[in-house]
PDB file of all heavy atoms in Angstrom:
ATOM      1  N   GLY A   1     -29.858 127.027  -4.161  1.00  0.00           N
ATOM      2  CA  GLY A   1     -30.309 127.111  -5.469  1.00  0.00           C
ATOM      3  C   GLY A   1     -29.250 126.949  -6.462  1.00  0.00           C
ATOM      4  O   GLY A   1     -29.455 127.001  -7.660  1.00  0.00           O
ATOM      5  N   HIS A   2     -27.963 126.840  -6.075  1.00  0.00           N
ATOM      6  CA  HIS A   2     -26.939 126.705  -7.063  1.00  0.00           C
ATOM      7  C   HIS A   2     -26.148 125.238  -7.075  1.00  0.00           C
ATOM      8  O   HIS A   2     -25.374 125.032  -7.899  1.00  0.00           O
ATOM      9  CB  HIS A   2     -25.727 127.708  -6.630  1.00  0.00           C
ATOM     10  CG  HIS A   2     -26.161 129.074  -6.929  1.00  0.00           C
ATOM     11  ND1 HIS A   2     -26.047 129.686  -8.097  1.00  0.00           N
ATOM     12  CD2 HIS A   2     -26.692 130.093  -6.085  1.00  0.00           C
ATOM     13  CE1 HIS A   2     -26.429 130.947  -8.113  1.00  0.00           C
ATOM     14  NE2 HIS A   2     -26.886 131.175  -6.895  1.00  0.00           N
ATOM     15  N   ILE A   3     -26.638 124.384  -6.237  1.00  0.00           N
ATOM     16  CA  ILE A   3     -25.984 123.006  -6.117  1.00  0.00           C
ATOM     17  C   ILE A   3     -26.859 121.948  -6.668  1.00  0.00           C
ATOM     18  O   ILE A   3     -28.063 121.768  -6.444  1.00  0.00           O
ATOM     19  CB  ILE A   3     -25.740 122.754  -4.516  1.00  0.00           C
ATOM     20  CG1 ILE A   3     -24.931 123.825  -3.835  1.00  0.00           C
ATOM     21  CG2 ILE A   3     -25.014 121.330  -4.524  1.00  0.00           C
ATOM     22  CD1 ILE A   3     -23.517 123.957  -4.427  1.00  0.00           C
ATOM     23  N   LEU A   4     -26.204 121.200  -7.660  1.00  0.00           N
ATOM     24  CA  LEU A   4     -26.815 120.054  -8.269  1.00  0.00           C
ATOM     25  C   LEU A   4     -25.872 118.810  -7.840  1.00  0.00           C
ATOM     26  O   LEU A   4     -24.686 118.861  -7.635  1.00  0.00           O
ATOM     27  CB  LEU A   4     -26.666 120.105  -9.759  1.00  0.00           C
ATOM     28  CG  LEU A   4     -27.347 121.262 -10.398  1.00  0.00           C
ATOM     29  CD1 LEU A   4     -27.086 121.385 -11.854  1.00  0.00           C
ATOM     30  CD2 LEU A   4     -28.870 121.331 -10.193  1.00  0.00           C
ATOM     31  N   SER A   5     -26.593 117.676  -7.653  1.00  0.00           N
ATOM     32  CA  SER A   5     -25.836 116.497  -7.273  1.00  0.00           C
ATOM     33  C   SER A   5     -26.725 115.354  -7.508  1.00  0.00           C
ATOM     34  O   SER A   5     -27.920 115.395  -7.739  1.00  0.00           O
ATOM     35  CB  SER A   5     -25.452 116.478  -5.865  1.00  0.00           C
ATOM     36  OG  SER A   5     -26.518 116.379  -4.986  1.00  0.00           O
ATOM     37  N   ASN A   6     -26.058 114.125  -7.470  1.00  0.00           N
ATOM     38  CA  ASN A   6     -26.825 112.878  -7.461  1.00  0.00           C
ATOM     39  C   ASN A   6     -27.138 112.584  -6.024  1.00  0.00           C
ATOM     40  O   ASN A   6     -26.413 111.934  -5.222  1.00  0.00           O
ATOM     41  CB  ASN A   6     -25.880 111.738  -7.969  1.00  0.00           C
ATOM     42  CG  ASN A   6     -26.575 110.313  -7.942  1.00  0.00           C
ATOM     43  OD1 ASN A   6     -27.743 110.309  -7.935  1.00  0.00           O
ATOM     44  ND2 ASN A   6     -25.721 109.314  -7.836  1.00  0.00           N
ATOM     45  N   GLN A   7     -28.252 113.076  -5.611  1.00  0.00           N
ATOM     46  CA  GLN A   7     -28.636 113.110  -4.104  1.00  0.00           C
ATOM     47  C   GLN A   7     -28.775 111.876  -3.459  1.00  0.00           C
ATOM     48  O   GLN A   7     -28.423 111.667  -2.172  1.00  0.00           O
ATOM     49  CB  GLN A   7     -29.734 114.063  -3.842  1.00  0.00           C
ATOM     50  CG  GLN A   7     -29.476 115.562  -4.062  1.00  0.00           C
ATOM     51  CD  GLN A   7     -30.645 116.491  -3.701  1.00  0.00           C
ATOM     52  OE1 GLN A   7     -31.447 116.841  -4.512  1.00  0.00           O
ATOM     53  NE2 GLN A   7     -30.822 116.750  -2.414  1.00  0.00           N
ATOM     54  N   ASN A   8     -29.278 110.864  -4.153  1.00  0.00           N
ATOM     55  CA  ASN A   8     -29.677 109.423  -3.536  1.00  0.00           C
ATOM     56  C   ASN A   8     -28.384 108.560  -3.705  1.00  0.00           C
ATOM     57  O   ASN A   8     -28.622 107.364  -3.721  1.00  0.00           O
ATOM     58  CB  ASN A   8     -30.884 108.927  -4.201  1.00  0.00           C
ATOM     59  CG  ASN A   8     -32.072 109.840  -3.882  1.00  0.00           C
ATOM     60  OD1 ASN A   8     -32.155 110.276  -2.741  1.00  0.00           O
ATOM     61  ND2 ASN A   8     -32.894 110.066  -4.857  1.00  0.00           N
ATOM     62  N   ARG A   9     -27.178 108.964  -3.832  1.00  0.00           N
ATOM     63  CA  ARG A   9     -26.046 108.160  -4.184  1.00  0.00           C
ATOM     64  C   ARG A   9     -25.760 107.283  -3.009  1.00  0.00           C
ATOM     65  O   ARG A   9     -25.865 107.568  -1.748  1.00  0.00           O
ATOM     66  CB  ARG A   9     -24.835 108.983  -4.512  1.00  0.00           C
ATOM     67  CG  ARG A   9     -24.257 109.832  -3.502  1.00  0.00           C
ATOM     68  CD  ARG A   9     -23.389 110.947  -3.972  1.00  0.00           C
ATOM     69  NE  ARG A   9     -22.865 111.809  -2.985  1.00  0.00           N
ATOM     70  CZ  ARG A   9     -23.512 112.737  -2.565  1.00  0.00           C
ATOM     71  NH1 ARG A   9     -24.713 113.223  -3.018  1.00  0.00           N
ATOM     72  NH2 ARG A   9     -22.806 113.586  -1.640  1.00  0.00           N
ATOM     73  N   CYS A  10     -25.179 106.130  -3.284  1.00  0.00           N
ATOM     74  CA  CYS A  10     -24.508 105.226  -2.367  1.00  0.00           C
ATOM     75  C   CYS A  10     -22.934 105.572  -2.217  1.00  0.00           C
ATOM     76  O   CYS A  10     -22.363 105.660  -3.302  1.00  0.00           O
ATOM     77  CB  CYS A  10     -24.795 103.899  -2.724  1.00  0.00           C
ATOM     78  SG  CYS A  10     -23.838 102.612  -1.723  1.00  0.00           S
ATOM     79  N   LEU A  11     -22.301 105.722  -1.039  1.00  0.00           N
ATOM     80  CA  LEU A  11     -21.083 106.010  -0.792  1.00  0.00           C
ATOM     81  C   LEU A  11     -20.140 104.902  -0.579  1.00  0.00           C
ATOM     82  O   LEU A  11     -18.854 104.934  -0.345  1.00  0.00           O
ATOM     83  CB  LEU A  11     -21.016 107.053   0.247  1.00  0.00           C
ATOM     84  CG  LEU A  11     -21.754 108.389  -0.013  1.00  0.00           C
ATOM     85  CD1 LEU A  11     -21.599 109.341   1.270  1.00  0.00           C
ATOM     86  CD2 LEU A  11     -20.988 109.214  -1.134  1.00  0.00           C
ATOM     87  N   ARG A  12     -20.649 103.731  -0.451  1.00  0.00           N
ATOM     88  CA  ARG A  12     -19.862 102.417  -0.179  1.00  0.00           C
ATOM     89  C   ARG A  12     -19.297 101.992  -1.379  1.00  0.00           C
ATOM     90  O   ARG A  12     -19.845 101.685  -2.488  1.00  0.00           O
ATOM     91  CB  ARG A  12     -20.772 101.389   0.410  1.00  0.00           C
ATOM     92  CG  ARG A  12     -21.239 101.701   1.748  1.00  0.00           C
ATOM     93  CD  ARG A  12     -22.083 100.638   2.416  1.00  0.00           C
ATOM     94  NE  ARG A  12     -21.315  99.366   2.485  1.00  0.00           N
ATOM     95  CZ  ARG A  12     -21.607  98.218   2.930  1.00  0.00           C
ATOM     96  NH1 ARG A  12     -22.776  98.059   3.456  1.00  0.00           N
ATOM     97  NH2 ARG A  12     -20.903  97.159   2.961  1.00  0.00           N
ATOM     98  N   ARG A  13     -17.859 101.869  -1.473  1.00  0.00           N
ATOM     99  CA  ARG A  13     -17.101 101.331  -2.603  1.00  0.00           C
ATOM    100  C   ARG A  13     -17.050  99.862  -2.718  1.00  0.00           C
ATOM    101  O   ARG A  13     -16.477  99.353  -3.583  1.00  0.00           O
ATOM    102  CB  ARG A  13     -15.662 102.049  -2.588  1.00  0.00           C
ATOM    103  CG  ARG A  13     -15.873 103.583  -2.778  1.00  0.00           C
ATOM    104  CD  ARG A  13     -16.506 103.987  -3.989  1.00  0.00           C
ATOM    105  NE  ARG A  13     -16.646 105.445  -4.262  1.00  0.00           N
ATOM    106  CZ  ARG A  13     -17.723 106.093  -4.138  1.00  0.00           C
ATOM    107  NH1 ARG A  13     -18.900 105.484  -3.858  1.00  0.00           N
ATOM    108  NH2 ARG A  13     -17.784 107.451  -4.138  1.00  0.00           N
ATOM    109  N   ASP A  14     -17.453  99.175  -1.545  1.00  0.00           N
ATOM    110  CA  ASP A  14     -17.482  97.732  -1.565  1.00  0.00           C
ATOM    111  C   ASP A  14     -18.716  97.130  -2.085  1.00  0.00           C
ATOM    112  O   ASP A  14     -19.032  95.982  -1.960  1.00  0.00           O
ATOM    113  CB  ASP A  14     -17.172  97.227  -0.172  1.00  0.00           C
ATOM    114  CG  ASP A  14     -18.248  97.635   0.805  1.00  0.00           C
ATOM    115  OD1 ASP A  14     -19.002  98.510   0.579  1.00  0.00           O
ATOM    116  OD2 ASP A  14     -18.175  97.156   1.984  1.00  0.00           O
ATOM    117  N   THR A  15     -19.587  98.007  -2.694  1.00  0.00           N
ATOM    118  CA  THR A  15     -20.830  97.582  -3.278  1.00  0.00           C
ATOM    119  C   THR A  15     -20.898  97.960  -4.847  1.00  0.00           C
ATOM    120  O   THR A  15     -20.360  99.084  -5.159  1.00  0.00           O
ATOM    121  CB  THR A  15     -22.072  98.092  -2.672  1.00  0.00           C
ATOM    122  OG1 THR A  15     -22.135  99.514  -2.766  1.00  0.00           O
ATOM    123  CG2 THR A  15     -21.970  97.797  -1.067  1.00  0.00           C
ATOM    124  N   GLN A  16     -21.630  97.324  -5.550  1.00  0.00           N
ATOM    125  CA  GLN A  16     -21.815  97.716  -6.968  1.00  0.00           C
ATOM    126  C   GLN A  16     -22.602  99.030  -7.169  1.00  0.00           C
ATOM    127  O   GLN A  16     -22.185  99.885  -8.016  1.00  0.00           O
ATOM    128  CB  GLN A  16     -22.421  96.547  -7.803  1.00  0.00           C
ATOM    129  CG  GLN A  16     -22.666  96.937  -9.322  1.00  0.00           C
ATOM    130  CD  GLN A  16     -23.139  95.716 -10.142  1.00  0.00           C
ATOM    131  OE1 GLN A  16     -22.668  94.551  -9.903  1.00  0.00           O
ATOM    132  NE2 GLN A  16     -23.981  95.932 -11.096  1.00  0.00           N
ATOM    133  N   GLU A  17     -23.489  99.104  -6.273  1.00  0.00           N
ATOM    134  CA  GLU A  17     -24.344 100.412  -6.344  1.00  0.00           C
ATOM    135  C   GLU A  17     -23.445 101.659  -6.057  1.00  0.00           C
ATOM    136  O   GLU A  17     -23.510 102.660  -6.765  1.00  0.00           O
ATOM    137  CB  GLU A  17     -25.477 100.348  -5.327  1.00  0.00           C
ATOM    138  CG  GLU A  17     -26.341 101.629  -5.329  1.00  0.00           C
ATOM    139  CD  GLU A  17     -27.325 101.548  -4.248  1.00  0.00           C
ATOM    140  OE1 GLU A  17     -27.481 100.641  -3.502  1.00  0.00           O
ATOM    141  OE2 GLU A  17     -28.177 102.621  -4.150  1.00  0.00           O
ATOM    142  N   GLY A  18     -22.519 101.462  -5.163  1.00  0.00           N
ATOM    143  CA  GLY A  18     -21.681 102.638  -4.706  1.00  0.00           C
ATOM    144  C   GLY A  18     -20.632 102.992  -5.918  1.00  0.00           C
ATOM    145  O   GLY A  18     -20.347 104.067  -6.171  1.00  0.00           O
ATOM    146  N   ILE A  19     -20.183 101.911  -6.629  1.00  0.00           N
ATOM    147  CA  ILE A  19     -19.274 102.168  -7.828  1.00  0.00           C
ATOM    148  C   ILE A  19     -20.055 102.727  -8.952  1.00  0.00           C
ATOM    149  O   ILE A  19     -19.488 103.596  -9.594  1.00  0.00           O
ATOM    150  CB  ILE A  19     -18.567 100.832  -8.095  1.00  0.00           C
ATOM    151  CG1 ILE A  19     -17.747 100.345  -6.945  1.00  0.00           C
ATOM    152  CG2 ILE A  19     -17.626 101.101  -9.372  1.00  0.00           C
ATOM    153  CD1 ILE A  19     -16.713 101.273  -6.413  1.00  0.00           C
ATOM    154  N   GLU A  20     -21.266 102.251  -9.126  1.00  0.00           N
ATOM    155  CA  GLU A  20     -21.956 102.844 -10.192  1.00  0.00           C
ATOM    156  C   GLU A  20     -22.219 104.403 -10.016  1.00  0.00           C
ATOM    157  O   GLU A  20     -22.129 105.140 -10.826  1.00  0.00           O
ATOM    158  CB  GLU A  20     -23.343 102.253 -10.324  1.00  0.00           C
ATOM    159  CG  GLU A  20     -23.211 100.714 -10.872  1.00  0.00           C
ATOM    160  CD  GLU A  20     -24.596 100.007 -10.833  1.00  0.00           C
ATOM    161  OE1 GLU A  20     -25.557 100.539 -10.207  1.00  0.00           O
ATOM    162  OE2 GLU A  20     -24.658  98.906 -11.327  1.00  0.00           O
ATOM    163  N   ASP A  21     -22.504 104.766  -8.697  1.00  0.00           N
ATOM    164  CA  ASP A  21     -22.652 106.189  -8.339  1.00  0.00           C
ATOM    165  C   ASP A  21     -21.376 106.990  -8.524  1.00  0.00           C
ATOM    166  O   ASP A  21     -21.504 108.036  -8.822  1.00  0.00           O
ATOM    167  CB  ASP A  21     -23.253 106.284  -7.002  1.00  0.00           C
ATOM    168  CG  ASP A  21     -24.841 105.974  -6.978  1.00  0.00           C
ATOM    169  OD1 ASP A  21     -25.504 105.997  -8.002  1.00  0.00           O
ATOM    170  OD2 ASP A  21     -25.333 105.513  -5.864  1.00  0.00           O
ATOM    171  N   ALA A  22     -20.331 106.327  -8.132  1.00  0.00           N
ATOM    172  CA  ALA A  22     -18.992 106.940  -8.272  1.00  0.00           C
ATOM    173  C   ALA A  22     -18.762 107.236  -9.837  1.00  0.00           C
ATOM    174  O   ALA A  22     -18.336 108.411 -10.252  1.00  0.00           O
ATOM    175  CB  ALA A  22     -17.788 106.085  -7.796  1.00  0.00           C
ATOM    176  N   LEU A  23     -19.118 106.256 -10.718  1.00  0.00           N
ATOM    177  CA  LEU A  23     -18.821 106.528 -12.135  1.00  0.00           C
ATOM    178  C   LEU A  23     -19.699 107.669 -12.519  1.00  0.00           C
ATOM    179  O   LEU A  23     -19.414 108.465 -13.354  1.00  0.00           O
ATOM    180  CB  LEU A  23     -19.124 105.207 -12.823  1.00  0.00           C
ATOM    181  CG  LEU A  23     -18.845 105.240 -14.330  1.00  0.00           C
ATOM    182  CD1 LEU A  23     -18.296 104.082 -14.790  1.00  0.00           C
ATOM    183  CD2 LEU A  23     -20.234 105.609 -15.232  1.00  0.00           C
ATOM    184  N   LEU A  24     -20.975 107.614 -12.033  1.00  0.00           N
ATOM    185  CA  LEU A  24     -21.975 108.634 -12.423  1.00  0.00           C
ATOM    186  C   LEU A  24     -21.317 110.042 -12.161  1.00  0.00           C
ATOM    187  O   LEU A  24     -21.328 111.057 -12.903  1.00  0.00           O
ATOM    188  CB  LEU A  24     -23.217 108.465 -11.694  1.00  0.00           C
ATOM    189  CG  LEU A  24     -24.436 109.405 -12.106  1.00  0.00           C
ATOM    190  CD1 LEU A  24     -25.081 108.909 -13.323  1.00  0.00           C
ATOM    191  CD2 LEU A  24     -25.425 109.413 -10.982  1.00  0.00           C
ATOM    192  N   ASP A  25     -20.843 110.171 -10.925  1.00  0.00           N
ATOM    193  CA  ASP A  25     -20.168 111.448 -10.435  1.00  0.00           C
ATOM    194  C   ASP A  25     -19.098 111.759 -11.457  1.00  0.00           C
ATOM    195  O   ASP A  25     -18.874 113.011 -11.782  1.00  0.00           O
ATOM    196  CB  ASP A  25     -19.829 111.413  -9.035  1.00  0.00           C
ATOM    197  CG  ASP A  25     -20.803 111.805  -8.009  1.00  0.00           C
ATOM    198  OD1 ASP A  25     -21.879 112.436  -8.460  1.00  0.00           O
ATOM    199  OD2 ASP A  25     -20.615 111.613  -6.826  1.00  0.00           O
ATOM    200  N   LEU A  26     -18.251 110.881 -11.685  1.00  0.00           N
ATOM    201  CA  LEU A  26     -17.131 111.049 -12.616  1.00  0.00           C
ATOM    202  C   LEU A  26     -17.514 111.711 -13.877  1.00  0.00           C
ATOM    203  O   LEU A  26     -16.937 112.749 -14.354  1.00  0.00           O
ATOM    204  CB  LEU A  26     -16.248 109.841 -12.764  1.00  0.00           C
ATOM    205  CG  LEU A  26     -15.035 109.934 -13.601  1.00  0.00           C
ATOM    206  CD1 LEU A  26     -13.968 110.876 -13.070  1.00  0.00           C
ATOM    207  CD2 LEU A  26     -14.492 108.533 -13.982  1.00  0.00           C
TER     208      LEU A  26
END
């Protein structure tokens, strides 16, 4: 009940989707 996150994120940095999610986290 205390953890928030971008749960559906992509972790691959060699894809645009993954970099977008990294920026979101930042």
